[in-house]
Every structure is written in structure tokens, then in C-alpha cells.
PDB file of N, CA and C in Angstrom:
ATOM      1  N   UNK A   1      13.938  21.482  -6.478  1.00  0.00           N
ATOM      2  CA  UNK A   1      14.265  20.513  -7.605  1.00  0.00           C
ATOM      3  C   UNK A   1      15.667  19.647  -7.057  1.00  0.00           C
ATOM      4  N   UNK A   2      15.717  18.365  -7.053  1.00  0.00           N
ATOM      5  CA  UNK A   2      16.930  17.969  -6.997  1.00  0.00           C
ATOM      6  C   UNK A   2      17.719  17.510  -8.392  1.00  0.00           C
ATOM      7  N   UNK A   3      19.093  17.758  -8.026  1.00  0.00           N
ATOM      8  CA  UNK A   3      19.864  17.411  -9.070  1.00  0.00           C
ATOM      9  C   UNK A   3      20.807  16.439  -9.193  1.00  0.00           C
ATOM     10  N   UNK A   4      21.092  15.878  -7.962  1.00  0.00           N
ATOM     11  CA  UNK A   4      22.143  14.845  -7.662  1.00  0.00           C
ATOM     12  C   UNK A   4      21.491  13.266  -8.486  1.00  0.00           C
ATOM     13  N   UNK A   5      22.145  12.856  -9.248  1.00  0.00           N
ATOM     14  CA  UNK A   5      21.502  11.657  -9.815  1.00  0.00           C
ATOM     15  C   UNK A   5      21.729  10.432  -9.033  1.00  0.00           C
ATOM     16  N   UNK A   6      22.396  10.269  -7.776  1.00  0.00           N
ATOM     17  CA  UNK A   6      22.615   9.605  -6.846  1.00  0.00           C
ATOM     18  C   UNK A   6      21.420   9.397  -5.849  1.00  0.00           C
ATOM     19  N   UNK A   7      20.521  10.388  -5.768  1.00  0.00           N
ATOM     20  CA  UNK A   7      19.430  10.378  -4.703  1.00  0.00           C
ATOM     21  C   UNK A   7      18.282   9.603  -5.514  1.00  0.00           C
ATOM     22  N   UNK A   8      17.689   8.871  -4.558  1.00  0.00           N
ATOM     23  CA  UNK A   8      16.624   7.900  -5.158  1.00  0.00           C
ATOM     24  C   UNK A   8      15.411   8.802  -4.887  1.00  0.00           C
ATOM     25  N   UNK A   9      14.473   8.616  -6.108  1.00  0.00           N
ATOM     26  CA  UNK A   9      13.079   9.469  -5.766  1.00  0.00           C
ATOM     27  C   UNK A   9      12.159   8.481  -5.795  1.00  0.00           C
ATOM     28  N   UNK A  10      11.190   8.858  -4.853  1.00  0.00           N
ATOM     29  CA  UNK A  10       9.893   8.013  -4.351  1.00  0.00           C
ATOM     30  C   UNK A  10       9.010   8.189  -5.879  1.00  0.00           C
ATOM     31  N   UNK A  11       8.149   7.342  -5.805  1.00  0.00           N
ATOM     32  CA  UNK A  11       7.206   7.739  -7.048  1.00  0.00           C
ATOM     33  C   UNK A  11       6.330   8.722  -6.657  1.00  0.00           C
ATOM     34  N   UNK A  12       5.931   9.301  -5.289  1.00  0.00           N
ATOM     35  CA  UNK A  12       5.181  10.526  -5.038  1.00  0.00           C
ATOM     36  C   UNK A  12       5.903  11.622  -5.734  1.00  0.00           C
ATOM     37  N   UNK A  13       7.238  11.643  -5.470  1.00  0.00           N
ATOM     38  CA  UNK A  13       8.185  12.921  -5.660  1.00  0.00           C
ATOM     39  C   UNK A  13       8.301  13.005  -7.193  1.00  0.00           C
ATOM     40  N   UNK A  14       8.283  11.847  -7.998  1.00  0.00           N
ATOM     41  CA  UNK A  14       8.252  11.961  -9.589  1.00  0.00           C
ATOM     42  C   UNK A  14       6.999  12.549  -9.890  1.00  0.00           C
ATOM     43  N   UNK A  15       5.993  12.240  -9.292  1.00  0.00           N
ATOM     44  CA  UNK A  15       4.560  12.306  -9.435  1.00  0.00           C
ATOM     45  C   UNK A  15       4.171  13.791  -9.137  1.00  0.00           C
ATOM     46  N   UNK A  16       4.700  14.247  -8.315  1.00  0.00           N
ATOM     47  CA  UNK A  16       4.565  15.750  -7.968  1.00  0.00           C
ATOM     48  C   UNK A  16       5.337  16.328  -8.912  1.00  0.00           C
ATOM     49  N   UNK A  17       6.513  16.225  -9.342  1.00  0.00           N
ATOM     50  CA  UNK A  17       7.397  16.981 -10.174  1.00  0.00           C
ATOM     51  C   UNK A  17       6.625  16.847 -11.488  1.00  0.00           C
ATOM     52  N   UNK A  18       6.123  16.162 -11.844  1.00  0.00           N
ATOM     53  CA  UNK A  18       5.425  16.070 -13.131  1.00  0.00           C
ATOM     54  C   UNK A  18       3.943  16.711 -13.155  1.00  0.00           C
ATOM     55  N   UNK A  19       3.463  16.787 -11.817  1.00  0.00           N
ATOM     56  CA  UNK A  19       2.217  17.614 -12.239  1.00  0.00           C
ATOM     57  C   UNK A  19       2.653  19.264 -12.234  1.00  0.00           C
ATOM     58  N   UNK A  20       3.864  19.605 -11.251  1.00  0.00           N
ATOM     59  CA  UNK A  20       4.303  21.013 -11.200  1.00  0.00           C
ATOM     60  C   UNK A  20       4.579  21.283 -12.659  1.00  0.00           C
ATOM     61  N   UNK A  21       4.934  20.430 -13.614  1.00  0.00           N
ATOM     62  CA  UNK A  21       5.688  20.517 -15.097  1.00  0.00           C
ATOM     63  C   UNK A  21       4.515  20.719 -15.896  1.00  0.00           C
ATOM     64  N   UNK A  22       3.463  20.042 -15.745  1.00  0.00           N
ATOM     65  CA  UNK A  22       2.237  20.031 -16.401  1.00  0.00           C
ATOM     66  C   UNK A  22       1.550  21.284 -16.199  1.00  0.00           C
ATOM     67  N   UNK A  23       1.476  21.775 -14.915  1.00  0.00           N
ATOM     68  CA  UNK A  23       0.713  22.873 -14.435  1.00  0.00           C
ATOM     69  C   UNK A  23       1.431  24.051 -15.184  1.00  0.00           C
ATOM     70  N   UNK A  24       2.723  24.341 -15.190  1.00  0.00           N
ATOM     71  CA  UNK A  24       3.665  25.247 -16.010  1.00  0.00           C
ATOM     72  C   UNK A  24       3.205  25.337 -17.320  1.00  0.00           C
ATOM     73  N   UNK A  25       3.251  24.142 -18.008  1.00  0.00           N
ATOM     74  CA  UNK A  25       3.027  23.916 -19.291  1.00  0.00           C
ATOM     75  C   UNK A  25       1.480  24.627 -19.720  1.00  0.00           C
ATOM     76  N   UNK A  26       0.779  24.470 -18.969  1.00  0.00           N
ATOM     77  CA  UNK A  26      -0.657  24.810 -19.117  1.00  0.00           C
ATOM     78  C   UNK A  26      -0.836  26.394 -18.638  1.00  0.00           C
ATOM     79  N   UNK A  27       0.044  26.902 -17.798  1.00  0.00           N
ATOM     80  CA  UNK A  27       0.025  28.382 -17.609  1.00  0.00           C
ATOM     81  C   UNK A  27       0.584  29.163 -18.949  1.00  0.00           C
ATOM     82  N   UNK A  28       1.839  28.374 -19.182  1.00  0.00           N
ATOM     83  CA  UNK A  28       2.395  29.079 -20.472  1.00  0.00           C
ATOM     84  C   UNK A  28       1.306  28.888 -21.591  1.00  0.00           C
ATOM     85  N   UNK A  29       0.507  28.090 -21.997  1.00  0.00           N
ATOM     86  CA  UNK A  29      -0.302  27.837 -23.124  1.00  0.00           C
ATOM     87  C   UNK A  29      -1.278  28.827 -22.666  1.00  0.00           C
ATOM     88  N   UNK A  30      -1.589  29.218 -21.804  1.00  0.00           N
ATOM     89  CA  UNK A  30      -2.870  30.130 -21.158  1.00  0.00           C
ATOM     90  C   UNK A  30      -2.280  31.549 -21.747  1.00  0.00           C
ATOM     91  N   UNK A  31      -1.170  31.663 -21.188  1.00  0.00           N
ATOM     92  CA  UNK A  31      -0.585  33.542 -21.280  1.00  0.00           C
ATOM     93  C   UNK A  31      -0.262  33.816 -22.860  1.00  0.00           C
ATOM     94  N   UNK A  32      -0.346  34.803 -23.050  1.00  0.00           N
ATOM     95  CA  UNK A  32      -0.184  35.119 -24.238  1.00  0.00           C
ATOM     96  C   UNK A  32       1.053  35.109 -24.899  1.00  0.00           C
ATOM     97  N   UNK A  33       1.604  34.897 -26.089  1.00  0.00           N
ATOM     98  CA  UNK A  33       3.005  34.767 -26.641  1.00  0.00           C
ATOM     99  C   UNK A  33       3.869  35.935 -26.302  1.00  0.00           C
ATOM    100  N   UNK A  34       4.876  35.589 -25.709  1.00  0.00           N
ATOM    101  CA  UNK A  34       5.691  36.803 -25.460  1.00  0.00           C
ATOM    102  C   UNK A  34       6.859  36.301 -25.599  1.00  0.00           C
ATOM    103  N   UNK A  35       8.077  37.287 -25.412  1.00  0.00           N
ATOM    104  CA  UNK A  35       9.605  36.968 -25.791  1.00  0.00           C
ATOM    105  C   UNK A  35      10.048  35.940 -24.621  1.00  0.00           C
ATOM    106  N   UNK A  36       9.360  36.059 -23.526  1.00  0.00           N
ATOM    107  CA  UNK A  36      10.046  34.882 -22.401  1.00  0.00           C
ATOM    108  C   UNK A  36       9.208  33.554 -22.916  1.00  0.00           C
ATOM    109  N   UNK A  37       8.294  33.600 -23.623  1.00  0.00           N
ATOM    110  CA  UNK A  37       7.706  31.971 -23.977  1.00  0.00           C
ATOM    111  C   UNK A  37       8.672  31.241 -24.436  1.00  0.00           C
ATOM    112  N   UNK A  38       9.562  31.466 -25.283  1.00  0.00           N
ATOM    113  CA  UNK A  38      10.633  30.674 -25.764  1.00  0.00           C
ATOM    114  C   UNK A  38      11.451  30.212 -24.826  1.00  0.00           C
ATOM    115  N   UNK A  39      11.951  31.255 -24.131  1.00  0.00           N
ATOM    116  CA  UNK A  39      12.693  30.827 -22.628  1.00  0.00           C
ATOM    117  C   UNK A  39      11.973  29.781 -21.730  1.00  0.00           C
ATOM    118  N   UNK A  40      10.831  30.416 -21.480  1.00  0.00           N
ATOM    119  CA  UNK A  40      10.174  29.454 -20.528  1.00  0.00           C
ATOM    120  C   UNK A  40      10.070  27.826 -21.009  1.00  0.00           C
ATOM    121  N   UNK A  41       9.800  27.949 -22.430  1.00  0.00           N
ATOM    122  CA  UNK A  41       9.349  26.909 -23.050  1.00  0.00           C
ATOM    123  C   UNK A  41      10.704  25.515 -23.131  1.00  0.00           C
ATOM    124  N   UNK A  42      11.636  26.491 -23.156  1.00  0.00           N
ATOM    125  CA  UNK A  42      12.992  25.559 -23.319  1.00  0.00           C
ATOM    126  C   UNK A  42      13.265  25.249 -21.770  1.00  0.00           C
ATOM    127  N   UNK A  43      13.188  25.917 -20.605  1.00  0.00           N
ATOM    128  CA  UNK A  43      13.210  25.521 -19.430  1.00  0.00           C
ATOM    129  C   UNK A  43      12.359  24.311 -19.331  1.00  0.00           C
ATOM    130  N   UNK A  44      11.161  24.292 -19.733  1.00  0.00           N
ATOM    131  CA  UNK A  44      10.175  23.053 -19.476  1.00  0.00           C
ATOM    132  C   UNK A  44      10.671  21.899 -20.279  1.00  0.00           C
ATOM    133  N   UNK A  45      11.254  21.831 -21.117  1.00  0.00           N
ATOM    134  CA  UNK A  45      11.785  20.884 -22.290  1.00  0.00           C
ATOM    135  C   UNK A  45      12.991  20.229 -21.350  1.00  0.00           C
ATOM    136  N   UNK A  46      13.613  20.994 -20.493  1.00  0.00           N
ATOM    137  CA  UNK A  46      14.767  20.604 -19.882  1.00  0.00           C
ATOM    138  C   UNK A  46      14.282  19.978 -18.587  1.00  0.00           C
ATOM    139  N   UNK A  47      13.522  20.462 -17.990  1.00  0.00           N
ATOM    140  CA  UNK A  47      12.857  19.776 -16.624  1.00  0.00           C
ATOM    141  C   UNK A  47      12.315  18.476 -16.997  1.00  0.00           C
ATOM    142  N   UNK A  48      11.184  18.320 -18.312  1.00  0.00           N
ATOM    143  CA  UNK A  48      10.779  17.344 -18.775  1.00  0.00           C
ATOM    144  C   UNK A  48      11.834  16.186 -18.881  1.00  0.00           C
ATOM    145  N   UNK A  49      12.974  16.803 -19.406  1.00  0.00           N
ATOM    146  CA  UNK A  49      13.674  15.599 -19.785  1.00  0.00           C
ATOM    147  C   UNK A  49      14.365  15.014 -18.679  1.00  0.00           C
ATOM    148  N   UNK A  50      14.770  15.553 -17.680  1.00  0.00           N
ATOM    149  CA  UNK A  50      15.290  15.505 -16.336  1.00  0.00           C
ATOM    150  C   UNK A  50      14.158  14.300 -15.734  1.00  0.00           C
ATOM    151  N   UNK A  51      13.003  14.971 -15.537  1.00  0.00           N
ATOM    152  CA  UNK A  51      12.050  13.968 -14.634  1.00  0.00           C
ATOM    153  C   UNK A  51      11.653  12.709 -15.840  1.00  0.00           C
ATOM    154  N   UNK A  52      11.732  12.860 -16.939  1.00  0.00           N
ATOM    155  CA  UNK A  52      11.883  11.514 -17.955  1.00  0.00           C
ATOM    156  C   UNK A  52      12.922  10.792 -17.491  1.00  0.00           C
ATOM    157  N   UNK A  53      14.325  11.097 -17.160  1.00  0.00           N
ATOM    158  CA  UNK A  53      15.338  10.526 -17.180  1.00  0.00           C
ATOM    159  C   UNK A  53      15.108   9.858 -15.584  1.00  0.00           C
ATOM    160  N   UNK A  54      14.673  10.662 -14.728  1.00  0.00           N
ATOM    161  CA  UNK A  54      14.730   9.935 -13.265  1.00  0.00           C
ATOM    162  C   UNK A  54      13.188   8.585 -13.339  1.00  0.00           C
ATOM    163  N   UNK A  55      12.327   8.916 -14.170  1.00  0.00           N
ATOM    164  CA  UNK A  55      11.352   7.764 -14.306  1.00  0.00           C
ATOM    165  C   UNK A  55      12.091   6.704 -14.975  1.00  0.00           C
ATOM    166  N   UNK A  56      12.991   6.712 -15.866  1.00  0.00           N
ATOM    167  CA  UNK A  56      13.601   5.807 -16.450  1.00  0.00           C
ATOM    168  C   UNK A  56      14.297   4.986 -15.437  1.00  0.00           C
ATOM    169  N   UNK A  57      15.450   5.851 -14.934  1.00  0.00           N
ATOM    170  CA  UNK A  57      16.042   5.242 -13.586  1.00  0.00           C
ATOM    171  C   UNK A  57      15.346   4.276 -12.519  1.00  0.00           C
ATOM    172  N   UNK A  58      14.166   4.865 -12.072  1.00  0.00           N
ATOM    173  CA  UNK A  58      13.551   4.441 -11.246  1.00  0.00           C
ATOM    174  C   UNK A  58      12.848   3.073 -11.516  1.00  0.00           C
ATOM    175  N   UNK A  59      12.400   3.139 -12.782  1.00  0.00           N
ATOM    176  CA  UNK A  59      11.988   2.049 -13.734  1.00  0.00           C
ATOM    177  C   UNK A  59      13.162   0.867 -13.643  1.00  0.00           C
ATOM    178  N   UNK A  60      14.512   0.973 -14.059  1.00  0.00           N
ATOM    179  CA  UNK A  60      15.463   0.279 -14.133  1.00  0.00           C
ATOM    180  C   UNK A  60      15.979  -0.507 -12.921  1.00  0.00           C
ATOM    181  N   UNK A  61      15.683   0.268 -11.826  1.00  0.00           N
ATOM    182  CA  UNK A  61      16.179   0.282 -10.162  1.00  0.00           C
ATOM    183  C   UNK A  61      14.943  -0.736  -9.647  1.00  0.00           C
ATOM    184  N   UNK A  62      13.564  -0.362 -10.133  1.00  0.00           N
ATOM    185  CA  UNK A  62      12.696  -1.624  -9.815  1.00  0.00           C
ATOM    186  C   UNK A  62      12.568  -2.676 -10.233  1.00  0.00           C
ATOM    187  N   UNK A  63      12.864  -2.518 -11.614  1.00  0.00           N
ATOM    188  CA  UNK A  63      13.262  -4.061 -12.416  1.00  0.00           C
ATOM    189  C   UNK A  63      14.300  -4.679 -11.929  1.00  0.00           C
ATOM    190  N   UNK A  64      15.251  -4.282 -11.766  1.00  0.00           N
ATOM    191  CA  UNK A  64      16.312  -4.930 -11.056  1.00  0.00           C
ATOM    192  C   UNK A  64      16.078  -5.690  -9.768  1.00  0.00           C
ATOM    193  N   UNK A  65      15.360  -4.948  -8.714  1.00  0.00           N
ATOM    194  CA  UNK A  65      14.800  -5.722  -7.464  1.00  0.00           C
ATOM    195  C   UNK A  65      14.001  -6.718  -7.723  1.00  0.00           C
ATOM    196  N   UNK A  66      13.051  -6.335  -8.753  1.00  0.00           N
ATOM    197  CA  UNK A  66      12.089  -7.506  -9.104  1.00  0.00           C
ATOM    198  C   UNK A  66      12.573  -8.396  -9.260  1.00  0.00           C
ATOM    199  N   UNK A  67      13.677  -8.623 -10.317  1.00  0.00           N
ATOM    200  CA  UNK A  67      14.445  -9.642 -10.890  1.00  0.00           C
ATOM    201  C   UNK A  67      15.333 -10.235  -9.659  1.00  0.00           C
ATOM    202  N   UNK A  68      15.907  -9.356  -8.990  1.00  0.00           N
ATOM    203  CA  UNK A  68      17.036 -10.030  -7.939  1.00  0.00           C
ATOM    204  C   UNK A  68      15.921 -10.873  -6.846  1.00  0.00           C
ATOM    205  N   UNK A  69      14.822 -10.372  -6.919  1.00  0.00           N
ATOM    206  CA  UNK A  69      13.685 -11.030  -5.665  1.00  0.00           C
ATOM    207  C   UNK A  69      13.158 -12.281  -6.320  1.00  0.00           C
ATOM    208  N   UNK A  70      12.784 -12.375  -7.557  1.00  0.00           N
ATOM    209  CA  UNK A  70      12.432 -13.514  -8.292  1.00  0.00           C
ATOM    210  C   UNK A  70      13.593 -14.771  -8.238  1.00  0.00           C
ATOM    211  N   UNK A  71      14.887 -14.457  -8.534  1.00  0.00           N
ATOM    212  CA  UNK A  71      16.060 -15.174  -8.594  1.00  0.00           C
ATOM    213  C   UNK A  71      16.039 -15.689  -6.894  1.00  0.00           C
ATOM    214  N   UNK A  72      16.005 -15.160  -6.198  1.00  0.00           N
ATOM    215  CA  UNK A  72      16.212 -15.489  -4.565  1.00  0.00           C
ATOM    216  C   UNK A  72      15.149 -16.272  -4.224  1.00  0.00           C
ATOM    217  N   UNK A  73      13.881 -15.989  -4.683  1.00  0.00           N
ATOM    218  CA  UNK A  73      12.712 -16.712  -4.503  1.00  0.00           C
ATOM    219  C   UNK A  73      12.949 -18.154  -5.113  1.00  0.00           C
ATOM    220  N   UNK A  74      13.227 -18.208  -6.316  1.00  0.00           N
ATOM    221  CA  UNK A  74      13.495 -19.509  -7.216  1.00  0.00           C
ATOM    222  C   UNK A  74      14.327 -20.371  -6.722  1.00  0.00           C
ATOM    223  N   UNK A  75      15.623 -19.734  -6.216  1.00  0.00           N
ATOM    224  CA  UNK A  75      16.605 -20.496  -5.706  1.00  0.00           C
ATOM    225  C   UNK A  75      16.103 -21.159  -4.237  1.00  0.00           C
ATOM    226  N   UNK A  76      15.538 -20.410  -3.346  1.00  0.00           N
ATOM    227  CA  UNK A  76      14.832 -21.027  -1.974  1.00  0.00           C
ATOM    228  C   UNK A  76      13.819 -22.076  -2.563  1.00  0.00           C
ATOM    229  N   UNK A  77      13.190 -21.892  -3.798  1.00  0.00           N
ATOM    230  CA  UNK A  77      12.214 -23.059  -3.970  1.00  0.00           C
ATOM    231  C   UNK A  77      12.887 -24.199  -4.216  1.00  0.00           C
ATOM    232  N   UNK A  78      13.627 -24.257  -5.054  1.00  0.00           N
ATOM    233  CA  UNK A  78      14.657 -25.300  -5.599  1.00  0.00           C
ATOM    234  C   UNK A  78      15.609 -25.973  -4.537  1.00  0.00           C
ATOM    235  N   UNK A  79      16.018 -25.166  -3.647  1.00  0.00           N
ATOM    236  CA  UNK A  79      16.818 -25.797  -2.711  1.00  0.00           C
ATOM    237  C   UNK A  79      15.874 -26.487  -1.400  1.00  0.00           C
ATOM    238  N   UNK A  80      14.599 -25.986  -1.404  1.00  0.00           N
ATOM    239  CA  UNK A  80      13.655 -26.739  -0.348  1.00  0.00           C
ATOM    240  C   UNK A  80      12.149 -26.945  -1.215  1.00  0.00           C
ATOM    241  N   UNK A  81      11.896 -27.639  -2.256  1.00  0.00           N
ATOM    242  CA  UNK A  81      10.723 -27.722  -2.784  1.00  0.00           C
ATOM    243  C   UNK A  81       9.658 -28.319  -1.983  1.00  0.00           C
ATOM    244  N   UNK A  82      10.161 -29.276  -0.936  1.00  0.00           N
ATOM    245  CA  UNK A  82       8.927 -29.717  -0.258  1.00  0.00           C
ATOM    246  C   UNK A  82       8.399 -28.532   0.884  1.00  0.00           C
ATOM    247  N   UNK A  83       9.165 -27.822   1.304  1.00  0.00           N
ATOM    248  CA  UNK A  83       8.828 -26.890   2.172  1.00  0.00           C
ATOM    249  C   UNK A  83       8.119 -25.680   1.649  1.00  0.00           C
ATOM    250  N   UNK A  84       8.684 -25.334   0.403  1.00  0.00           N
ATOM    251  CA  UNK A  84       7.798 -24.280  -0.483  1.00  0.00           C
ATOM    252  C   UNK A  84       6.814 -24.653  -0.778  1.00  0.00           C
ATOM    253  N   UNK A  85       6.175 -26.061  -0.898  1.00  0.00           N
ATOM    254  CA  UNK A  85       4.874 -26.584  -1.332  1.00  0.00           C
ATOM    255  C   UNK A  85       3.961 -26.396  -0.112  1.00  0.00           C
ATOM    256  N   UNK A  86       4.639 -26.908   0.887  1.00  0.00           N
ATOM    257  CA  UNK A  86       3.603 -26.747   2.204  1.00  0.00           C
ATOM    258  C   UNK A  86       3.354 -25.533   2.539  1.00  0.00           C
ATOM    259  N   UNK A  87       4.191 -24.481   2.188  1.00  0.00           N
ATOM    260  CA  UNK A  87       4.206 -23.103   2.809  1.00  0.00           C
ATOM    261  C   UNK A  87       3.163 -22.313   1.926  1.00  0.00           C
ATOM    262  N   UNK A  88       2.950 -22.868   0.445  1.00  0.00           N
ATOM    263  CA  UNK A  88       2.336 -22.388  -0.360  1.00  0.00           C
ATOM    264  C   UNK A  88       0.736 -22.844   0.021  1.00  0.00           C
ATOM    265  N   UNK A  89       0.595 -24.261   0.219  1.00  0.00           N
ATOM    266  CA  UNK A  89      -0.654 -24.867   0.679  1.00  0.00           C
ATOM    267  C   UNK A  89      -1.350 -24.051   1.803  1.00  0.00           C
ATOM    268  N   UNK A  90      -0.119 -23.949   2.904  1.00  0.00           N
ATOM    269  CA  UNK A  90      -0.747 -23.153   4.050  1.00  0.00           C
ATOM    270  C   UNK A  90      -1.195 -21.676   3.711  1.00  0.00           C
ATOM    271  N   UNK A  91      -0.464 -21.211   3.054  1.00  0.00           N
ATOM    272  CA  UNK A  91      -1.098 -19.516   2.497  1.00  0.00           C
ATOM    273  C   UNK A  91      -2.149 -19.591   1.762  1.00  0.00           C
ATOM    274  N   UNK A  92      -2.253 -20.682   0.842  1.00  0.00           N
ATOM    275  CA  UNK A  92      -3.614 -20.824  -0.095  1.00  0.00           C
ATOM    276  C   UNK A  92      -4.841 -21.185   0.904  1.00  0.00           C
ATOM    277  N   UNK A  93      -4.721 -22.091   1.913  1.00  0.00           N
ATOM    278  CA  UNK A  93      -5.742 -22.527   2.871  1.00  0.00           C
ATOM    279  C   UNK A  93      -6.059 -21.159   3.538  1.00  0.00           C
ATOM    280  N   UNK A  94      -5.351 -20.550   4.011  1.00  0.00           N
ATOM    281  CA  UNK A  94      -5.519 -19.326   5.014  1.00  0.00           C
ATOM    282  C   UNK A  94      -6.080 -18.197   4.189  1.00  0.00           C
ATOM    283  N   UNK A  95      -5.870 -17.813   2.936  1.00  0.00           N
ATOM    284  CA  UNK A  95      -6.607 -17.191   2.083  1.00  0.00           C
ATOM    285  C   UNK A  95      -8.066 -17.542   1.718  1.00  0.00           C
ATOM    286  N   UNK A  96      -8.143 -18.770   1.364  1.00  0.00           N
ATOM    287  CA  UNK A  96      -9.510 -19.504   1.202  1.00  0.00           C
ATOM    288  C   UNK A  96     -10.373 -19.297   2.272  1.00  0.00           C
ATOM    289  N   UNK A  97      -9.815 -19.638   3.611  1.00  0.00           N
ATOM    290  CA  UNK A  97     -10.618 -19.316   4.964  1.00  0.00           C
ATOM    291  C   UNK A  97     -11.032 -18.365   5.281  1.00  0.00           C
ATOM    292  N   UNK A  98     -10.065 -17.111   4.931  1.00  0.00           N
ATOM    293  CA  UNK A  98     -10.343 -15.850   4.964  1.00  0.00           C
ATOM    294  C   UNK A  98     -11.577 -15.119   4.045  1.00  0.00           C
ATOM    295  N   UNK A  99     -11.552 -15.689   2.797  1.00  0.00           N
ATOM    296  CA  UNK A  99     -12.458 -15.221   1.846  1.00  0.00           C
ATOM    297  C   UNK A  99     -13.611 -15.525   1.873  1.00  0.00           C
ATOM    298  N   UNK A 100     -13.639 -17.031   2.519  1.00  0.00           N
ATOM    299  CA  UNK A 100     -14.734 -17.801   2.757  1.00  0.00           C
ATOM    300  C   UNK A 100     -15.723 -17.090   3.688  1.00  0.00           C
ATOM    301  N   UNK A 101     -15.021 -16.930   4.734  1.00  0.00           N
ATOM    302  CA  UNK A 101     -15.564 -15.964   5.576  1.00  0.00           C
ATOM    303  C   UNK A 101     -16.248 -14.577   5.615  1.00  0.00           C
ATOM    304  N   UNK A 102     -15.587 -14.003   4.646  1.00  0.00           N
ATOM    305  CA  UNK A 102     -15.886 -12.523   4.011  1.00  0.00           C
ATOM    306  C   UNK A 102     -16.995 -12.582   3.222  1.00  0.00           C
ATOM    307  N   UNK A 103     -17.290 -13.743   2.454  1.00  0.00           N
ATOM    308  CA  UNK A 103     -18.608 -13.662   1.661  1.00  0.00           C
ATOM    309  C   UNK A 103     -19.757 -14.044   2.172  1.00  0.00           C
ATOM    310  N   UNK A 104     -19.721 -14.685   3.554  1.00  0.00           N
ATOM    311  CA  UNK A 104     -20.932 -15.212   4.039  1.00  0.00           C
ATOM    312  C   UNK A 104     -21.814 -14.062   4.800  1.00  0.00           C
TER     313      UNK A 104
END
């Protein structure tokens, strides 16, 4: 498990970690109650909190990237409105032609 907060996690890594936590929790529930159950449960809580924090960080970073991209796109469109309109019309035409061919 990675502990460094500066490391970026991919969604696949986060999902794998979450699956491992769920599997361990299911195994603990299937086992009989023992003196180690409390320790194991606390360890799961700590790991779950860490995974939840990484999900929150990944969401925040993704949100920042999307907002930055939207701002950049908005600036480009405002700086060149006619070129942006021509590009949008061209892409729409291309998509229309491709979809039209596919449905025939």
C-alpha cells in the first residue's frame, strides 16, 4: 500500500485497493469473533479512511483539471469565435456523416 500523499493514484489502483478492503471485511465477518477481530476492524477502518482520502484527493484534482480545461476552451472560443464556430460545424458534419453511414 502506498503511503506518500504526493503520489497520484490511478482510478484502477484506487478501485483495486477498495476491492481488497471489501474482501478483507467480508473475510472478517465470515470468521468467528475473536480477540483479533477488534484489531483487524481498526486496521480496516484506518485503511478505509486512507482510501477515502485518496478518492477525495483524486476527485479534487480531476475537478481542477476539468475547470482549467473549460476556462482554457472558453478563452480560446472568445478570442476566435468564428474559427471556433467553423470547427464546431466541421466536427458536427463529420460526426453526422459517420453516424449516417453506420445506420445504413
